[in-house]
């Protein structure tokens, strides 16, 4: 959960910085700081939500895409390593 919050914070801060630079040097339209903060909060919320969904449903999404793409890839939970004596 900490990784999700950190990812969302860094994404929102980077978005805010890029938007501020764009507003100051590139765009002719001057927006207020209130709008910039509101947009950064929206980016934080969306990033946190998407990261949370991706983290919790990653295995189910892999199963879904295996069905959609008609591939029979099975993700093993144990490594397929032979550790016993050979039978021959």
C-alpha atoms as a PDB file:
ATOM      1  CA  UNK A   1       0.000   0.000   0.000  1.00  0.00           C
ATOM      2  CA  UNK A   2       2.923   2.321   0.701  1.00  0.00           C
ATOM      3  CA  UNK A   3       4.194   1.846  -2.842  1.00  0.00           C
ATOM      4  CA  UNK A   4       0.800   2.861  -4.230  1.00  0.00           C
ATOM      5  CA  UNK A   5       0.733   6.068  -2.179  1.00  0.00           C
ATOM      6  CA  UNK A   6       4.320   6.954  -3.111  1.00  0.00           C
ATOM      7  CA  UNK A   7       3.638   6.316  -6.788  1.00  0.00           C
ATOM      8  CA  UNK A   8       0.529   8.493  -6.658  1.00  0.00           C
ATOM      9  CA  UNK A   9       2.338  11.291  -4.801  1.00  0.00           C
ATOM     10  CA  UNK A  10       5.285  11.347  -7.205  1.00  0.00           C
ATOM     11  CA  UNK A  11       2.967  11.238 -10.212  1.00  0.00           C
ATOM     12  CA  UNK A  12       0.854  14.108  -8.887  1.00  0.00           C
ATOM     13  CA  UNK A  13       3.938  16.187  -8.029  1.00  0.00           C
ATOM     14  CA  UNK A  14       5.471  15.580 -11.442  1.00  0.00           C
ATOM     15  CA  UNK A  15       2.173  16.453 -13.117  1.00  0.00           C
ATOM     16  CA  UNK A  16       1.909  19.640 -11.061  1.00  0.00           C
ATOM     17  CA  UNK A  17       5.471  20.658 -11.897  1.00  0.00           C
ATOM     18  CA  UNK A  18       5.052  20.035 -15.621  1.00  0.00           C
ATOM     19  CA  UNK A  19       1.687  21.814 -15.654  1.00  0.00           C
ATOM     20  CA  UNK A  20       3.169  24.790 -13.785  1.00  0.00           C
ATOM     21  CA  UNK A  21       6.085  25.050 -16.244  1.00  0.00           C
ATOM     22  CA  UNK A  22       3.689  24.764 -19.170  1.00  0.00           C
ATOM     23  CA  UNK A  23       1.402  27.419 -17.699  1.00  0.00           C
ATOM     24  CA  UNK A  24       4.297  29.777 -16.982  1.00  0.00           C
ATOM     25  CA  UNK A  25       6.371  29.488 -20.171  1.00  0.00           C
ATOM     26  CA  UNK A  26       4.366  27.777 -22.926  1.00  0.00           C
ATOM     27  CA  UNK A  27       0.713  28.619 -22.592  1.00  0.00           C
ATOM     28  CA  UNK A  28      -0.746  32.080 -22.953  1.00  0.00           C
ATOM     29  CA  UNK A  29      -3.632  31.126 -20.683  1.00  0.00           C
ATOM     30  CA  UNK A  30      -2.955  31.819 -17.021  1.00  0.00           C
ATOM     31  CA  UNK A  31      -4.740  29.527 -14.597  1.00  0.00           C
ATOM     32  CA  UNK A  32      -4.865  30.002 -10.886  1.00  0.00           C
ATOM     33  CA  UNK A  33      -2.969  27.952  -8.358  1.00  0.00           C
ATOM     34  CA  UNK A  34      -6.291  26.609  -7.082  1.00  0.00           C
ATOM     35  CA  UNK A  35      -7.006  24.943 -10.455  1.00  0.00           C
ATOM     36  CA  UNK A  36      -3.478  23.517 -10.588  1.00  0.00           C
ATOM     37  CA  UNK A  37      -3.844  21.978  -7.121  1.00  0.00           C
ATOM     38  CA  UNK A  38      -7.286  20.584  -7.974  1.00  0.00           C
ATOM     39  CA  UNK A  39      -5.957  18.926 -11.132  1.00  0.00           C
ATOM     40  CA  UNK A  40      -2.999  17.490  -9.193  1.00  0.00           C
ATOM     41  CA  UNK A  41      -5.367  16.019  -6.596  1.00  0.00           C
ATOM     42  CA  UNK A  42      -7.417  14.421  -9.380  1.00  0.00           C
ATOM     43  CA  UNK A  43      -4.227  12.924 -10.861  1.00  0.00           C
ATOM     44  CA  UNK A  44      -3.255  11.620  -7.394  1.00  0.00           C
ATOM     45  CA  UNK A  45      -6.637   9.945  -6.917  1.00  0.00           C
ATOM     46  CA  UNK A  46      -6.737   8.355 -10.351  1.00  0.00           C
ATOM     47  CA  UNK A  47      -3.148   7.098 -10.075  1.00  0.00           C
ATOM     48  CA  UNK A  48      -3.778   5.595  -6.630  1.00  0.00           C
ATOM     49  CA  UNK A  49      -6.986   3.918  -7.820  1.00  0.00           C
ATOM     50  CA  UNK A  50      -5.410   2.414 -10.945  1.00  0.00           C
ATOM     51  CA  UNK A  51      -2.330   1.206  -9.037  1.00  0.00           C
ATOM     52  CA  UNK A  52      -4.550  -0.371  -6.352  1.00  0.00           C
ATOM     53  CA  UNK A  53      -6.693  -2.145  -8.947  1.00  0.00           C
ATOM     54  CA  UNK A  54      -3.639  -3.345 -10.868  1.00  0.00           C
ATOM     55  CA  UNK A  55      -1.942  -4.675  -7.719  1.00  0.00           C
ATOM     56  CA  UNK A  56      -4.989  -6.547  -6.448  1.00  0.00           C
ATOM     57  CA  UNK A  57      -6.295  -7.959  -9.722  1.00  0.00           C
ATOM     58  CA  UNK A  58      -3.045  -8.671 -11.588  1.00  0.00           C
ATOM     59  CA  UNK A  59      -3.404 -12.467 -11.598  1.00  0.00           C
ATOM     60  CA  UNK A  60      -7.052 -12.263 -12.644  1.00  0.00           C
ATOM     61  CA  UNK A  61      -6.140  -9.884 -15.473  1.00  0.00           C
ATOM     62  CA  UNK A  62      -3.446 -12.321 -16.645  1.00  0.00           C
ATOM     63  CA  UNK A  63      -6.005 -15.146 -16.673  1.00  0.00           C
ATOM     64  CA  UNK A  64      -8.449 -12.961 -18.604  1.00  0.00           C
ATOM     65  CA  UNK A  65      -5.867 -12.007 -21.224  1.00  0.00           C
ATOM     66  CA  UNK A  66      -4.809 -15.655 -21.584  1.00  0.00           C
ATOM     67  CA  UNK A  67      -8.422 -16.506 -22.412  1.00  0.00           C
ATOM     68  CA  UNK A  68      -8.837 -13.565 -24.785  1.00  0.00           C
ATOM     69  CA  UNK A  69      -5.608 -14.245 -26.667  1.00  0.00           C
ATOM     70  CA  UNK A  70      -6.219 -18.007 -26.659  1.00  0.00           C
ATOM     71  CA  UNK A  71      -2.845 -18.751 -25.109  1.00  0.00           C
ATOM     72  CA  UNK A  72      -2.354 -21.565 -22.655  1.00  0.00           C
ATOM     73  CA  UNK A  73       0.325 -20.000 -20.527  1.00  0.00           C
ATOM     74  CA  UNK A  74       0.034 -21.113 -16.947  1.00  0.00           C
ATOM     75  CA  UNK A  75       1.852 -19.118 -14.338  1.00  0.00           C
ATOM     76  CA  UNK A  76       3.306 -21.733 -11.979  1.00  0.00           C
ATOM     77  CA  UNK A  77       3.281 -21.037  -8.286  1.00  0.00           C
ATOM     78  CA  UNK A  78       6.325 -23.287  -7.769  1.00  0.00           C
ATOM     79  CA  UNK A  79       9.439 -23.334  -9.880  1.00  0.00           C
ATOM     80  CA  UNK A  80       9.477 -26.436 -12.140  1.00  0.00           C
ATOM     81  CA  UNK A  81      12.835 -27.767 -10.957  1.00  0.00           C
ATOM     82  CA  UNK A  82      13.763 -31.444 -10.815  1.00  0.00           C
ATOM     83  CA  UNK A  83      15.354 -32.117  -7.428  1.00  0.00           C
ATOM     84  CA  UNK A  84      15.099 -35.917  -7.018  1.00  0.00           C
ATOM     85  CA  UNK A  85      17.117 -38.843  -8.338  1.00  0.00           C
ATOM     86  CA  UNK A  86      16.485 -39.824 -11.951  1.00  0.00           C
ATOM     87  CA  UNK A  87      14.221 -42.863 -12.463  1.00  0.00           C
ATOM     88  CA  UNK A  88      16.229 -44.357 -15.348  1.00  0.00           C
END
